[in-house]
N, C-alpha and C. Protein backbone atom coordinates (compact mmCIF):
# COMPACT_ATOMS: atom_id res chain seq x y z
N MET A 1 -23.68 5.21 13.28
CA MET A 1 -24.19 3.90 12.92
C MET A 1 -23.67 3.52 11.55
N SER A 2 -23.24 2.30 11.39
CA SER A 2 -22.77 1.82 10.09
C SER A 2 -23.46 0.51 9.76
N LEU A 3 -23.64 0.24 8.48
CA LEU A 3 -24.28 -0.97 8.00
C LEU A 3 -23.28 -1.78 7.20
N TRP A 4 -23.25 -3.09 7.42
CA TRP A 4 -22.30 -3.95 6.73
C TRP A 4 -23.06 -5.03 5.97
N GLU A 5 -22.57 -5.38 4.81
CA GLU A 5 -23.17 -6.42 3.99
C GLU A 5 -22.22 -7.61 3.93
N SER A 6 -22.72 -8.80 4.25
CA SER A 6 -21.90 -10.01 4.20
C SER A 6 -21.67 -10.43 2.75
N LEU A 7 -20.43 -10.81 2.45
CA LEU A 7 -20.11 -11.32 1.12
C LEU A 7 -20.21 -12.84 1.06
N GLY A 8 -20.57 -13.45 2.17
CA GLY A 8 -20.69 -14.90 2.21
C GLY A 8 -19.44 -15.55 2.74
N ARG A 9 -19.58 -16.77 3.18
CA ARG A 9 -18.46 -17.49 3.77
C ARG A 9 -17.40 -17.89 2.75
N ASP A 10 -17.77 -18.01 1.50
CA ASP A 10 -16.85 -18.51 0.48
C ASP A 10 -16.27 -17.40 -0.38
N ALA A 11 -16.27 -16.18 0.11
CA ALA A 11 -15.73 -15.07 -0.66
C ALA A 11 -14.25 -15.30 -0.97
N ALA A 12 -13.87 -14.99 -2.20
CA ALA A 12 -12.48 -15.17 -2.65
C ALA A 12 -11.86 -13.81 -2.94
N TYR A 13 -10.54 -13.76 -2.95
CA TYR A 13 -9.86 -12.51 -3.27
C TYR A 13 -10.00 -12.18 -4.75
N GLY A 14 -10.03 -10.89 -5.03
CA GLY A 14 -10.11 -10.43 -6.40
C GLY A 14 -8.74 -10.42 -7.07
N ALA A 15 -8.69 -9.84 -8.25
CA ALA A 15 -7.46 -9.76 -9.04
C ALA A 15 -7.06 -8.30 -9.23
N ALA A 16 -5.88 -8.10 -9.79
CA ALA A 16 -5.39 -6.73 -10.00
C ALA A 16 -6.35 -5.91 -10.85
N VAL A 17 -6.98 -6.54 -11.84
CA VAL A 17 -7.93 -5.81 -12.68
C VAL A 17 -9.11 -5.32 -11.87
N ASP A 18 -9.53 -6.10 -10.87
CA ASP A 18 -10.63 -5.67 -10.00
C ASP A 18 -10.23 -4.45 -9.19
N VAL A 19 -8.99 -4.43 -8.72
CA VAL A 19 -8.50 -3.26 -7.98
C VAL A 19 -8.57 -2.02 -8.87
N GLY A 20 -8.10 -2.15 -10.10
CA GLY A 20 -8.14 -1.02 -11.03
C GLY A 20 -9.53 -0.50 -11.28
N GLN A 21 -10.48 -1.41 -11.48
CA GLN A 21 -11.85 -1.01 -11.75
C GLN A 21 -12.49 -0.32 -10.54
N LEU A 22 -12.32 -0.92 -9.36
CA LEU A 22 -12.93 -0.36 -8.16
C LEU A 22 -12.32 0.99 -7.77
N VAL A 23 -11.01 1.09 -7.88
CA VAL A 23 -10.34 2.35 -7.53
C VAL A 23 -10.73 3.44 -8.53
N ARG A 24 -10.87 3.09 -9.80
CA ARG A 24 -11.31 4.07 -10.80
C ARG A 24 -12.69 4.63 -10.42
N ARG A 25 -13.60 3.73 -10.04
CA ARG A 25 -14.94 4.17 -9.64
C ARG A 25 -14.89 5.03 -8.38
N LEU A 26 -14.05 4.63 -7.44
CA LEU A 26 -13.91 5.41 -6.20
C LEU A 26 -13.38 6.80 -6.49
N HIS A 27 -12.36 6.89 -7.32
CA HIS A 27 -11.73 8.17 -7.60
C HIS A 27 -12.62 9.09 -8.43
N ASP A 28 -13.61 8.53 -9.11
CA ASP A 28 -14.53 9.35 -9.91
C ASP A 28 -15.69 9.89 -9.08
N LEU A 29 -15.80 9.46 -7.81
CA LEU A 29 -16.87 9.95 -6.96
C LEU A 29 -16.64 11.41 -6.58
N PRO A 30 -17.71 12.20 -6.50
CA PRO A 30 -17.55 13.58 -5.99
C PRO A 30 -17.26 13.54 -4.49
N LEU A 31 -16.70 14.61 -3.99
CA LEU A 31 -16.40 14.67 -2.57
C LEU A 31 -17.66 14.60 -1.72
N GLY A 32 -18.72 15.22 -2.20
CA GLY A 32 -19.99 15.14 -1.48
C GLY A 32 -19.92 15.79 -0.11
N GLU A 33 -20.71 15.28 0.80
CA GLU A 33 -20.81 15.87 2.13
C GLU A 33 -20.17 15.00 3.21
N VAL A 34 -19.49 13.94 2.81
CA VAL A 34 -18.85 13.07 3.80
C VAL A 34 -17.59 13.74 4.32
N ASP A 35 -17.47 13.83 5.62
CA ASP A 35 -16.33 14.49 6.25
C ASP A 35 -15.23 13.46 6.48
N LEU A 36 -14.35 13.30 5.51
CA LEU A 36 -13.27 12.34 5.60
C LEU A 36 -12.00 13.02 6.11
N PRO A 37 -11.17 12.31 6.86
CA PRO A 37 -9.91 12.90 7.31
C PRO A 37 -8.92 13.04 6.16
N LYS A 38 -7.94 13.87 6.35
CA LYS A 38 -6.87 14.01 5.37
C LYS A 38 -5.89 12.84 5.53
N LEU A 39 -5.43 12.31 4.42
CA LEU A 39 -4.45 11.23 4.47
C LEU A 39 -3.20 11.69 5.20
N ARG A 40 -2.78 10.89 6.19
CA ARG A 40 -1.58 11.19 6.97
C ARG A 40 -0.70 9.93 6.95
N PRO A 41 0.12 9.79 5.92
CA PRO A 41 0.81 8.53 5.67
C PRO A 41 1.73 8.04 6.78
N PHE A 42 2.31 8.97 7.54
CA PHE A 42 3.38 8.58 8.46
C PHE A 42 2.95 8.49 9.93
N ASP A 43 1.66 8.67 10.18
CA ASP A 43 1.20 8.68 11.57
C ASP A 43 1.54 7.39 12.31
N ARG A 44 1.31 6.25 11.69
CA ARG A 44 1.54 4.98 12.36
C ARG A 44 3.01 4.59 12.36
N ALA A 45 3.79 5.13 11.44
CA ALA A 45 5.18 4.71 11.29
C ALA A 45 5.99 5.02 12.55
N GLU A 46 5.80 6.19 13.11
CA GLU A 46 6.58 6.56 14.30
C GLU A 46 6.31 5.60 15.46
N ARG A 47 5.04 5.30 15.68
CA ARG A 47 4.68 4.40 16.77
C ARG A 47 5.24 3.00 16.53
N ARG A 48 5.17 2.54 15.30
CA ARG A 48 5.68 1.21 14.97
C ARG A 48 7.19 1.13 15.21
N ILE A 49 7.94 2.15 14.78
CA ILE A 49 9.39 2.13 14.97
C ILE A 49 9.73 2.16 16.46
N GLU A 50 9.05 3.01 17.19
CA GLU A 50 9.35 3.18 18.62
C GLU A 50 9.14 1.88 19.38
N HIS A 51 8.12 1.12 19.04
CA HIS A 51 7.76 -0.06 19.82
C HIS A 51 8.17 -1.38 19.16
N ALA A 52 8.77 -1.33 18.00
CA ALA A 52 9.15 -2.57 17.31
C ALA A 52 10.19 -3.35 18.13
N PRO A 53 10.04 -4.67 18.23
CA PRO A 53 11.00 -5.50 18.97
C PRO A 53 12.24 -5.81 18.13
N ILE A 54 13.02 -4.76 17.84
CA ILE A 54 14.21 -4.90 17.01
C ILE A 54 15.40 -4.26 17.73
N GLY A 55 16.59 -4.49 17.21
CA GLY A 55 17.79 -3.95 17.82
C GLY A 55 17.92 -2.45 17.65
N GLY A 56 18.77 -1.86 18.47
CA GLY A 56 18.97 -0.42 18.44
C GLY A 56 19.48 0.10 17.11
N ASP A 57 20.41 -0.62 16.49
CA ASP A 57 20.94 -0.19 15.19
C ASP A 57 19.84 -0.21 14.13
N ASP A 58 19.02 -1.24 14.16
CA ASP A 58 17.92 -1.32 13.20
C ASP A 58 16.92 -0.19 13.42
N ARG A 59 16.64 0.12 14.68
CA ARG A 59 15.71 1.21 14.97
C ARG A 59 16.25 2.55 14.49
N GLU A 60 17.54 2.78 14.73
CA GLU A 60 18.14 4.03 14.27
C GLU A 60 18.10 4.13 12.75
N PHE A 61 18.33 3.01 12.07
CA PHE A 61 18.25 3.01 10.61
C PHE A 61 16.85 3.38 10.15
N LEU A 62 15.82 2.82 10.79
CA LEU A 62 14.45 3.12 10.40
C LEU A 62 14.09 4.58 10.67
N TRP A 63 14.59 5.15 11.77
CA TRP A 63 14.34 6.57 12.02
C TRP A 63 14.96 7.43 10.92
N ARG A 64 16.19 7.10 10.52
CA ARG A 64 16.84 7.87 9.45
C ARG A 64 16.09 7.72 8.14
N ARG A 65 15.67 6.50 7.86
CA ARG A 65 14.94 6.24 6.62
C ARG A 65 13.60 6.97 6.61
N LEU A 66 12.96 7.04 7.76
CA LEU A 66 11.70 7.77 7.86
C LEU A 66 11.89 9.23 7.44
N GLY A 67 12.96 9.85 7.92
CA GLY A 67 13.23 11.23 7.53
C GLY A 67 13.43 11.37 6.03
N GLU A 68 14.11 10.41 5.43
CA GLU A 68 14.36 10.46 3.98
C GLU A 68 13.07 10.35 3.18
N VAL A 69 12.23 9.37 3.53
CA VAL A 69 11.01 9.19 2.73
C VAL A 69 10.01 10.31 2.98
N ARG A 70 10.03 10.87 4.18
CA ARG A 70 9.17 12.03 4.44
C ARG A 70 9.55 13.20 3.53
N ARG A 71 10.84 13.45 3.41
CA ARG A 71 11.29 14.55 2.54
C ARG A 71 10.91 14.27 1.10
N GLY A 72 11.08 13.02 0.67
CA GLY A 72 10.72 12.67 -0.69
C GLY A 72 9.23 12.86 -0.94
N TYR A 73 8.42 12.51 0.03
CA TYR A 73 6.97 12.66 -0.09
C TYR A 73 6.58 14.13 -0.18
N SER A 74 7.20 14.96 0.64
CA SER A 74 6.85 16.38 0.67
C SER A 74 7.21 17.08 -0.64
N ASP A 75 8.13 16.52 -1.41
CA ASP A 75 8.56 17.14 -2.66
C ASP A 75 7.77 16.66 -3.87
N LEU A 76 6.83 15.75 -3.68
CA LEU A 76 6.12 15.17 -4.82
C LEU A 76 5.19 16.18 -5.48
N ASN A 77 5.13 16.11 -6.80
CA ASN A 77 4.25 16.95 -7.61
C ASN A 77 3.11 16.06 -8.10
N TRP A 78 2.00 16.07 -7.36
CA TRP A 78 0.88 15.19 -7.66
C TRP A 78 0.22 15.58 -8.98
N GLN A 79 -0.12 14.59 -9.78
CA GLN A 79 -0.68 14.83 -11.10
C GLN A 79 -2.17 14.50 -11.21
N LEU A 80 -2.68 13.65 -10.33
CA LEU A 80 -4.05 13.14 -10.48
C LEU A 80 -5.05 13.83 -9.58
N GLY A 81 -4.62 14.81 -8.83
CA GLY A 81 -5.53 15.54 -7.98
C GLY A 81 -5.84 14.81 -6.68
N PHE A 82 -6.66 15.44 -5.86
CA PHE A 82 -7.01 14.90 -4.55
C PHE A 82 -8.50 14.55 -4.51
N GLY A 83 -8.82 13.54 -3.73
CA GLY A 83 -10.20 13.11 -3.59
C GLY A 83 -10.26 11.94 -2.63
N PRO A 84 -11.40 11.23 -2.59
CA PRO A 84 -11.50 10.05 -1.73
C PRO A 84 -10.51 8.98 -2.15
N VAL A 85 -9.76 8.44 -1.21
CA VAL A 85 -8.85 7.33 -1.49
C VAL A 85 -9.11 6.22 -0.49
N HIS A 86 -8.94 5.00 -0.94
CA HIS A 86 -9.12 3.85 -0.06
C HIS A 86 -8.02 3.81 0.99
N GLY A 87 -6.79 4.08 0.59
CA GLY A 87 -5.68 4.13 1.52
C GLY A 87 -4.81 2.88 1.55
N ASP A 88 -5.40 1.73 1.19
CA ASP A 88 -4.64 0.47 1.20
C ASP A 88 -5.15 -0.43 0.08
N ALA A 89 -5.27 0.13 -1.11
CA ALA A 89 -5.88 -0.57 -2.24
C ALA A 89 -4.93 -1.61 -2.83
N SER A 90 -5.31 -2.88 -2.71
CA SER A 90 -4.53 -3.97 -3.27
C SER A 90 -5.42 -5.19 -3.38
N VAL A 91 -4.91 -6.25 -3.99
CA VAL A 91 -5.72 -7.46 -4.14
C VAL A 91 -6.11 -8.05 -2.79
N GLY A 92 -5.32 -7.79 -1.76
CA GLY A 92 -5.65 -8.31 -0.44
C GLY A 92 -6.86 -7.65 0.19
N ASN A 93 -7.30 -6.53 -0.40
CA ASN A 93 -8.47 -5.83 0.13
C ASN A 93 -9.61 -5.77 -0.88
N VAL A 94 -9.66 -6.75 -1.78
CA VAL A 94 -10.78 -6.91 -2.69
C VAL A 94 -11.30 -8.34 -2.56
N LEU A 95 -12.57 -8.47 -2.25
CA LEU A 95 -13.20 -9.78 -2.15
C LEU A 95 -14.29 -9.92 -3.20
N LEU A 96 -14.46 -11.14 -3.71
CA LEU A 96 -15.52 -11.45 -4.65
C LEU A 96 -16.66 -12.14 -3.90
N ASP A 97 -17.89 -11.70 -4.16
CA ASP A 97 -19.02 -12.38 -3.54
C ASP A 97 -19.35 -13.65 -4.33
N GLN A 98 -20.43 -14.31 -3.99
CA GLN A 98 -20.77 -15.58 -4.61
C GLN A 98 -21.11 -15.43 -6.09
N GLN A 99 -21.44 -14.22 -6.51
CA GLN A 99 -21.71 -13.97 -7.93
C GLN A 99 -20.47 -13.48 -8.67
N GLY A 100 -19.35 -13.36 -7.96
CA GLY A 100 -18.12 -12.91 -8.58
C GLY A 100 -17.97 -11.41 -8.64
N THR A 101 -18.81 -10.68 -7.94
CA THR A 101 -18.75 -9.22 -7.94
C THR A 101 -17.69 -8.75 -6.94
N PRO A 102 -16.74 -7.94 -7.39
CA PRO A 102 -15.67 -7.49 -6.47
C PRO A 102 -16.12 -6.34 -5.58
N THR A 103 -15.62 -6.34 -4.35
CA THR A 103 -15.93 -5.30 -3.37
C THR A 103 -14.67 -4.92 -2.61
N LEU A 104 -14.46 -3.61 -2.44
CA LEU A 104 -13.35 -3.14 -1.62
C LEU A 104 -13.70 -3.34 -0.14
N ILE A 105 -12.76 -3.89 0.61
CA ILE A 105 -12.96 -4.07 2.04
C ILE A 105 -11.87 -3.31 2.80
N ASP A 106 -11.93 -3.34 4.12
CA ASP A 106 -10.92 -2.74 4.98
C ASP A 106 -10.81 -1.23 4.72
N LEU A 107 -11.78 -0.51 5.23
CA LEU A 107 -11.86 0.93 4.98
C LEU A 107 -11.25 1.76 6.10
N ASP A 108 -10.38 1.17 6.90
CA ASP A 108 -9.79 1.87 8.04
C ASP A 108 -9.01 3.13 7.63
N GLU A 109 -8.44 3.12 6.42
CA GLU A 109 -7.59 4.24 6.01
C GLU A 109 -8.26 5.11 4.95
N PHE A 110 -9.57 4.97 4.80
CA PHE A 110 -10.33 5.79 3.86
C PHE A 110 -10.15 7.26 4.21
N ALA A 111 -9.78 8.08 3.23
CA ALA A 111 -9.41 9.47 3.52
C ALA A 111 -9.48 10.30 2.26
N ILE A 112 -9.18 11.58 2.41
CA ILE A 112 -8.96 12.46 1.26
C ILE A 112 -7.46 12.57 1.04
N GLY A 113 -7.02 12.27 -0.15
CA GLY A 113 -5.60 12.31 -0.42
C GLY A 113 -5.31 12.28 -1.91
N PRO A 114 -4.04 12.25 -2.27
CA PRO A 114 -3.66 12.18 -3.68
C PRO A 114 -4.04 10.82 -4.27
N ARG A 115 -4.63 10.82 -5.45
CA ARG A 115 -5.11 9.58 -6.04
C ARG A 115 -3.99 8.59 -6.34
N GLU A 116 -2.79 9.10 -6.53
CA GLU A 116 -1.65 8.20 -6.77
C GLU A 116 -1.46 7.20 -5.63
N TRP A 117 -1.89 7.58 -4.43
CA TRP A 117 -1.71 6.72 -3.26
C TRP A 117 -2.39 5.37 -3.45
N ASP A 118 -3.51 5.34 -4.15
CA ASP A 118 -4.24 4.09 -4.36
C ASP A 118 -3.71 3.27 -5.53
N LEU A 119 -2.76 3.80 -6.27
CA LEU A 119 -2.20 3.07 -7.41
C LEU A 119 -0.84 2.45 -7.09
N ILE A 120 -0.20 2.96 -6.06
CA ILE A 120 1.20 2.61 -5.84
C ILE A 120 1.41 1.16 -5.41
N LEU A 121 0.50 0.60 -4.61
CA LEU A 121 0.73 -0.76 -4.14
C LEU A 121 0.74 -1.76 -5.28
N THR A 122 -0.24 -1.70 -6.16
CA THR A 122 -0.27 -2.66 -7.27
C THR A 122 0.97 -2.51 -8.13
N ALA A 123 1.44 -1.27 -8.31
CA ALA A 123 2.64 -1.04 -9.11
C ALA A 123 3.88 -1.68 -8.48
N ILE A 124 4.08 -1.48 -7.18
CA ILE A 124 5.29 -2.04 -6.57
C ILE A 124 5.15 -3.55 -6.35
N TYR A 125 3.92 -4.04 -6.19
CA TYR A 125 3.75 -5.49 -6.12
C TYR A 125 4.26 -6.14 -7.40
N TYR A 126 4.08 -5.45 -8.52
CA TYR A 126 4.61 -5.95 -9.80
C TYR A 126 6.08 -5.60 -9.98
N ASP A 127 6.40 -4.33 -9.85
CA ASP A 127 7.71 -3.82 -10.25
C ASP A 127 8.83 -4.19 -9.28
N ARG A 128 8.57 -4.10 -7.99
CA ARG A 128 9.64 -4.33 -7.01
C ARG A 128 9.62 -5.73 -6.42
N PHE A 129 8.43 -6.26 -6.17
CA PHE A 129 8.35 -7.52 -5.42
C PHE A 129 8.06 -8.73 -6.29
N GLY A 130 7.57 -8.52 -7.50
CA GLY A 130 7.25 -9.64 -8.37
C GLY A 130 6.02 -10.42 -7.93
N TRP A 131 5.12 -9.78 -7.20
CA TRP A 131 3.92 -10.47 -6.73
C TRP A 131 2.81 -10.46 -7.77
N HIS A 132 2.91 -9.59 -8.77
CA HIS A 132 2.01 -9.58 -9.92
C HIS A 132 2.81 -9.82 -11.18
N THR A 133 2.19 -10.44 -12.15
CA THR A 133 2.83 -10.63 -13.45
C THR A 133 2.69 -9.36 -14.29
N GLU A 134 3.46 -9.30 -15.37
CA GLU A 134 3.34 -8.15 -16.28
C GLU A 134 1.93 -8.05 -16.84
N ALA A 135 1.34 -9.20 -17.17
CA ALA A 135 -0.03 -9.20 -17.71
C ALA A 135 -1.03 -8.68 -16.69
N GLU A 136 -0.88 -9.09 -15.44
CA GLU A 136 -1.79 -8.62 -14.39
C GLU A 136 -1.67 -7.12 -14.19
N TYR A 137 -0.43 -6.62 -14.20
CA TYR A 137 -0.27 -5.18 -14.03
C TYR A 137 -0.83 -4.42 -15.22
N SER A 138 -0.65 -4.96 -16.41
CA SER A 138 -1.20 -4.32 -17.61
C SER A 138 -2.72 -4.24 -17.54
N GLU A 139 -3.36 -5.29 -17.02
CA GLU A 139 -4.82 -5.28 -16.87
C GLU A 139 -5.25 -4.22 -15.85
N PHE A 140 -4.48 -4.08 -14.80
CA PHE A 140 -4.75 -3.06 -13.79
C PHE A 140 -4.68 -1.67 -14.41
N VAL A 141 -3.62 -1.41 -15.16
CA VAL A 141 -3.44 -0.10 -15.80
C VAL A 141 -4.58 0.18 -16.78
N ASP A 142 -4.95 -0.81 -17.58
CA ASP A 142 -6.04 -0.62 -18.54
C ASP A 142 -7.35 -0.33 -17.82
N ALA A 143 -7.57 -1.01 -16.68
CA ALA A 143 -8.82 -0.83 -15.94
C ALA A 143 -8.90 0.56 -15.31
N TYR A 144 -7.77 1.05 -14.81
CA TYR A 144 -7.78 2.36 -14.15
C TYR A 144 -7.62 3.50 -15.15
N GLY A 145 -6.76 3.29 -16.15
CA GLY A 145 -6.56 4.31 -17.17
C GLY A 145 -5.30 5.14 -17.03
N VAL A 146 -4.47 4.82 -16.03
CA VAL A 146 -3.21 5.55 -15.80
C VAL A 146 -2.16 4.55 -15.35
N ASP A 147 -0.94 4.70 -15.89
CA ASP A 147 0.19 3.91 -15.41
C ASP A 147 1.05 4.79 -14.53
N ILE A 148 0.97 4.59 -13.24
CA ILE A 148 1.70 5.44 -12.29
C ILE A 148 3.22 5.31 -12.47
N MET A 149 3.67 4.22 -13.05
CA MET A 149 5.10 4.03 -13.24
C MET A 149 5.68 5.01 -14.27
N GLU A 150 4.83 5.67 -15.03
CA GLU A 150 5.28 6.67 -15.99
C GLU A 150 5.41 8.06 -15.37
N TRP A 151 4.95 8.22 -14.16
CA TRP A 151 5.00 9.50 -13.43
C TRP A 151 6.39 9.70 -12.84
N ASP A 152 6.89 10.92 -12.86
CA ASP A 152 8.25 11.16 -12.37
C ASP A 152 8.36 11.06 -10.85
N GLY A 153 7.24 10.99 -10.15
CA GLY A 153 7.28 10.82 -8.71
C GLY A 153 7.14 9.37 -8.26
N TYR A 154 7.10 8.46 -9.24
CA TYR A 154 6.84 7.06 -8.90
C TYR A 154 7.84 6.48 -7.91
N GLU A 155 9.12 6.65 -8.17
CA GLU A 155 10.13 6.02 -7.32
C GLU A 155 10.06 6.53 -5.89
N ALA A 156 9.85 7.84 -5.73
CA ALA A 156 9.79 8.41 -4.39
C ALA A 156 8.57 7.89 -3.63
N LEU A 157 7.42 7.81 -4.31
CA LEU A 157 6.23 7.30 -3.64
C LEU A 157 6.35 5.81 -3.37
N ALA A 158 6.99 5.09 -4.29
CA ALA A 158 7.24 3.66 -4.06
C ALA A 158 8.11 3.45 -2.84
N ASP A 159 9.11 4.31 -2.66
CA ASP A 159 9.97 4.22 -1.47
C ASP A 159 9.16 4.42 -0.20
N VAL A 160 8.22 5.38 -0.23
CA VAL A 160 7.37 5.64 0.93
C VAL A 160 6.55 4.41 1.28
N ARG A 161 5.85 3.86 0.30
CA ARG A 161 4.95 2.74 0.58
C ARG A 161 5.73 1.50 1.01
N GLU A 162 6.88 1.28 0.38
CA GLU A 162 7.73 0.17 0.74
C GLU A 162 8.21 0.31 2.18
N PHE A 163 8.58 1.52 2.57
CA PHE A 163 9.05 1.77 3.93
C PHE A 163 7.93 1.52 4.94
N LEU A 164 6.73 1.96 4.64
CA LEU A 164 5.61 1.73 5.56
C LEU A 164 5.32 0.24 5.71
N MET A 165 5.49 -0.51 4.64
CA MET A 165 5.36 -1.97 4.74
C MET A 165 6.43 -2.54 5.65
N MET A 166 7.62 -1.96 5.60
CA MET A 166 8.72 -2.40 6.46
C MET A 166 8.38 -2.15 7.93
N THR A 167 7.84 -0.98 8.24
CA THR A 167 7.53 -0.68 9.64
C THR A 167 6.41 -1.57 10.16
N TRP A 168 5.44 -1.88 9.30
CA TRP A 168 4.36 -2.79 9.71
C TRP A 168 4.92 -4.16 10.05
N MET A 169 5.89 -4.62 9.25
CA MET A 169 6.50 -5.92 9.50
C MET A 169 7.40 -5.87 10.74
N ALA A 170 8.14 -4.78 10.93
CA ALA A 170 9.08 -4.68 12.04
C ALA A 170 8.40 -4.84 13.39
N GLN A 171 7.18 -4.33 13.51
CA GLN A 171 6.48 -4.42 14.80
C GLN A 171 6.07 -5.86 15.13
N ARG A 172 6.22 -6.77 14.18
CA ARG A 172 5.85 -8.17 14.38
C ARG A 172 7.07 -9.09 14.49
N ALA A 173 8.23 -8.52 14.66
CA ALA A 173 9.47 -9.29 14.61
C ALA A 173 9.59 -10.37 15.68
N ASP A 174 8.82 -10.25 16.75
CA ASP A 174 8.91 -11.24 17.83
C ASP A 174 7.77 -12.26 17.78
N GLU A 175 7.08 -12.37 16.64
CA GLU A 175 5.94 -13.27 16.54
C GLU A 175 6.30 -14.64 15.97
N GLY A 176 7.59 -14.93 15.91
CA GLY A 176 8.00 -16.25 15.44
C GLY A 176 9.17 -16.14 14.48
N PRO A 177 9.87 -17.25 14.24
CA PRO A 177 11.07 -17.22 13.40
C PRO A 177 10.81 -16.80 11.96
N LYS A 178 9.65 -17.16 11.42
CA LYS A 178 9.36 -16.79 10.04
C LYS A 178 9.26 -15.28 9.88
N LEU A 179 8.56 -14.64 10.79
CA LEU A 179 8.43 -13.19 10.74
C LEU A 179 9.75 -12.50 11.07
N ALA A 180 10.48 -13.04 12.02
CA ALA A 180 11.79 -12.46 12.36
C ALA A 180 12.72 -12.51 11.15
N GLY A 181 12.68 -13.62 10.43
CA GLY A 181 13.51 -13.76 9.23
C GLY A 181 13.10 -12.78 8.15
N GLU A 182 11.79 -12.56 8.01
CA GLU A 182 11.31 -11.61 7.01
C GLU A 182 11.74 -10.19 7.35
N VAL A 183 11.67 -9.83 8.61
CA VAL A 183 12.10 -8.51 9.05
C VAL A 183 13.59 -8.31 8.73
N ALA A 184 14.41 -9.31 9.04
CA ALA A 184 15.84 -9.22 8.77
C ALA A 184 16.11 -9.10 7.27
N LEU A 185 15.38 -9.87 6.46
CA LEU A 185 15.54 -9.82 5.01
C LEU A 185 15.21 -8.44 4.47
N ARG A 186 14.11 -7.89 4.92
CA ARG A 186 13.69 -6.58 4.41
C ARG A 186 14.64 -5.47 4.85
N LEU A 187 15.08 -5.52 6.09
CA LEU A 187 16.03 -4.52 6.57
C LEU A 187 17.32 -4.55 5.76
N GLU A 188 17.80 -5.75 5.50
CA GLU A 188 19.05 -5.88 4.74
C GLU A 188 18.91 -5.31 3.34
N SER A 189 17.81 -5.60 2.67
CA SER A 189 17.64 -5.10 1.31
C SER A 189 17.47 -3.59 1.28
N LEU A 190 16.83 -3.02 2.30
CA LEU A 190 16.71 -1.57 2.37
C LEU A 190 18.06 -0.91 2.63
N ARG A 191 18.85 -1.52 3.49
CA ARG A 191 20.17 -0.97 3.81
C ARG A 191 21.11 -0.99 2.61
N THR A 192 21.07 -2.07 1.86
CA THR A 192 22.04 -2.29 0.78
C THR A 192 21.53 -1.88 -0.59
N GLY A 193 20.22 -1.60 -0.69
CA GLY A 193 19.64 -1.33 -2.00
C GLY A 193 19.48 -2.59 -2.83
N GLY A 194 19.47 -3.75 -2.16
CA GLY A 194 19.35 -5.02 -2.86
C GLY A 194 17.95 -5.27 -3.37
N SER A 195 17.79 -6.36 -4.10
CA SER A 195 16.51 -6.72 -4.70
C SER A 195 15.45 -6.96 -3.63
N ARG A 196 14.24 -6.57 -3.95
CA ARG A 196 13.08 -6.84 -3.08
C ARG A 196 12.32 -8.08 -3.55
N GLN A 197 12.83 -8.76 -4.55
CA GLN A 197 12.13 -9.90 -5.11
C GLN A 197 11.95 -11.04 -4.11
N GLY A 198 12.76 -11.05 -3.04
CA GLY A 198 12.63 -12.09 -2.04
C GLY A 198 11.62 -11.77 -0.95
N TRP A 199 11.06 -10.54 -0.94
CA TRP A 199 10.08 -10.19 0.07
C TRP A 199 8.86 -11.08 -0.10
N ASN A 200 8.31 -11.54 1.00
CA ASN A 200 7.14 -12.41 0.96
C ASN A 200 5.90 -11.62 1.38
N PRO A 201 4.77 -11.87 0.71
CA PRO A 201 3.53 -11.20 1.13
C PRO A 201 2.98 -11.81 2.40
N PHE A 202 2.44 -10.99 3.27
CA PHE A 202 1.83 -11.45 4.52
C PHE A 202 0.46 -10.81 4.66
């Protein structure tokens, strides 16, 4: 049995600073007696690649890339320890209630894992995609207390999260011209190492 609290019909999205504050509080919680699954980052990726409505060459590229990011992930030297993680912590999963209080939503990927996992999205939204300003990212870092971009594993973990975003988008390639164009754009930038600044949030 689970209980849910309504945030109201007019709930608005939070800001990067709210993500930092909420994730900090989450990461400071003791493990307690809740039996959470272990974070398994690549479970959905295989299914998405297999069933994505894309061409054979694109599928083969994604399979090769999956092997690369898996190896990079397995070599990471985690610095922040393991504990409860949200799994998909970003501004898109923080809502403000009518009093302006931020709440984490979408707990489908709640698990036990490396704490860096909950910091990486806000970092790449700023660093790779330009979806956050420098000031917004600075507020996030101040709220959480750690800048993941200073960690030597940052680039490898950023590659992992970016790739998983690619597979999520690839499975939607037949949902209209806008999504098909986004899939093509992202594939091209991954293949060539080009800028991700043109990636659009969905």
